[in-house]
């Protein structure tokens, strides 16, 4: 059941990141992957800032979106990709 939770959070976070950052869609699987990696990046950054990993679905999605947006921005800067 935990895997389903991760996939749902990844999908929502990836979709929201696509809407925030713009650009062409990459598909369902890529949205999930961007959201999951974003969740890891966002969770790491939030722990560095002293936040605790508590707060439920909304907090988890917001942290994942934050991480995914940062990850997408870094990727675009490194590769020179446009939105």
Protein backbone atom coordinates (compact mmCIF):
# COMPACT_ATOMS: atom_id res chain seq x y z
CA UNK A 1 0.00 0.00 0.00
CA UNK A 2 2.91 2.34 0.65
CA UNK A 3 4.05 1.99 -2.96
CA UNK A 4 0.63 3.18 -4.16
CA UNK A 5 0.95 6.22 -1.85
CA UNK A 6 4.37 7.06 -3.31
CA UNK A 7 3.06 6.73 -6.86
CA UNK A 8 0.08 9.00 -6.13
CA UNK A 9 2.31 11.63 -4.49
CA UNK A 10 4.79 11.38 -7.37
CA UNK A 11 2.06 11.73 -9.97
CA UNK A 12 0.45 14.75 -8.33
CA UNK A 13 3.82 16.43 -7.66
CA UNK A 14 5.08 15.72 -11.19
CA UNK A 15 1.90 17.07 -12.76
CA UNK A 16 1.97 20.22 -10.62
CA UNK A 17 5.63 20.77 -11.43
CA UNK A 18 4.84 20.53 -15.13
CA UNK A 19 2.15 23.18 -14.71
CA UNK A 20 4.44 25.47 -12.67
CA UNK A 21 7.53 25.10 -14.85
CA UNK A 22 5.73 24.89 -18.20
CA UNK A 23 7.11 23.19 -21.25
CA UNK A 24 6.00 20.10 -23.13
CA UNK A 25 4.57 17.20 -21.16
CA UNK A 26 6.75 14.14 -20.73
CA UNK A 27 4.04 11.60 -19.97
CA UNK A 28 2.67 9.76 -16.99
CA UNK A 29 5.77 7.73 -16.12
CA UNK A 30 8.10 10.73 -16.32
CA UNK A 31 5.73 12.80 -14.16
CA UNK A 32 5.79 10.09 -11.50
CA UNK A 33 9.59 9.84 -11.64
CA UNK A 34 10.07 13.62 -11.44
CA UNK A 35 7.64 13.75 -8.52
CA UNK A 36 9.34 10.91 -6.64
CA UNK A 37 12.85 12.29 -7.10
CA UNK A 38 11.48 15.72 -6.23
CA UNK A 39 10.07 14.30 -3.01
CA UNK A 40 13.52 12.99 -2.07
CA UNK A 41 15.19 16.31 -2.91
CA UNK A 42 12.48 18.32 -1.13
CA UNK A 43 12.58 16.06 1.94
CA UNK A 44 16.36 16.41 2.14
CA UNK A 45 16.16 20.20 1.87
CA UNK A 46 13.37 20.47 4.44
CA UNK A 47 15.36 18.37 6.93
CA UNK A 48 18.36 20.62 6.38
CA UNK A 49 16.16 23.59 7.24
CA UNK A 50 14.96 21.90 10.42
CA UNK A 51 11.44 20.87 9.39
CA UNK A 52 10.03 17.55 10.56
CA UNK A 53 8.56 15.03 8.11
CA UNK A 54 5.04 15.29 9.49
CA UNK A 55 1.95 16.81 7.99
CA UNK A 56 0.07 14.34 5.85
CA UNK A 57 -0.71 14.29 2.16
CA UNK A 58 -0.77 18.04 1.47
CA UNK A 59 2.57 18.65 3.19
CA UNK A 60 4.12 15.69 1.37
CA UNK A 61 2.91 16.91 -2.02
CA UNK A 62 4.09 20.49 -1.35
CA UNK A 63 7.55 19.27 -0.36
CA UNK A 64 7.68 17.00 -3.42
CA UNK A 65 6.64 19.87 -5.71
CA UNK A 66 9.27 22.15 -4.17
CA UNK A 67 11.96 19.53 -4.74
CA UNK A 68 10.76 18.74 -8.26
CA UNK A 69 10.69 22.43 -9.24
CA UNK A 70 14.25 22.88 -7.96
CA UNK A 71 15.35 19.70 -9.72
CA UNK A 72 13.72 20.77 -13.00
CA UNK A 73 15.26 24.23 -12.78
CA UNK A 74 18.75 22.77 -12.20
CA UNK A 75 18.27 20.30 -15.05
CA UNK A 76 17.23 23.06 -17.45
CA UNK A 77 20.17 25.26 -16.45
CA UNK A 78 22.64 22.39 -16.83
CA UNK A 79 21.36 21.28 -20.24
CA UNK A 80 20.29 24.63 -21.65
CA UNK A 81 16.77 23.29 -22.23
CA UNK A 82 13.96 25.80 -22.67
CA UNK A 83 10.50 25.65 -21.11
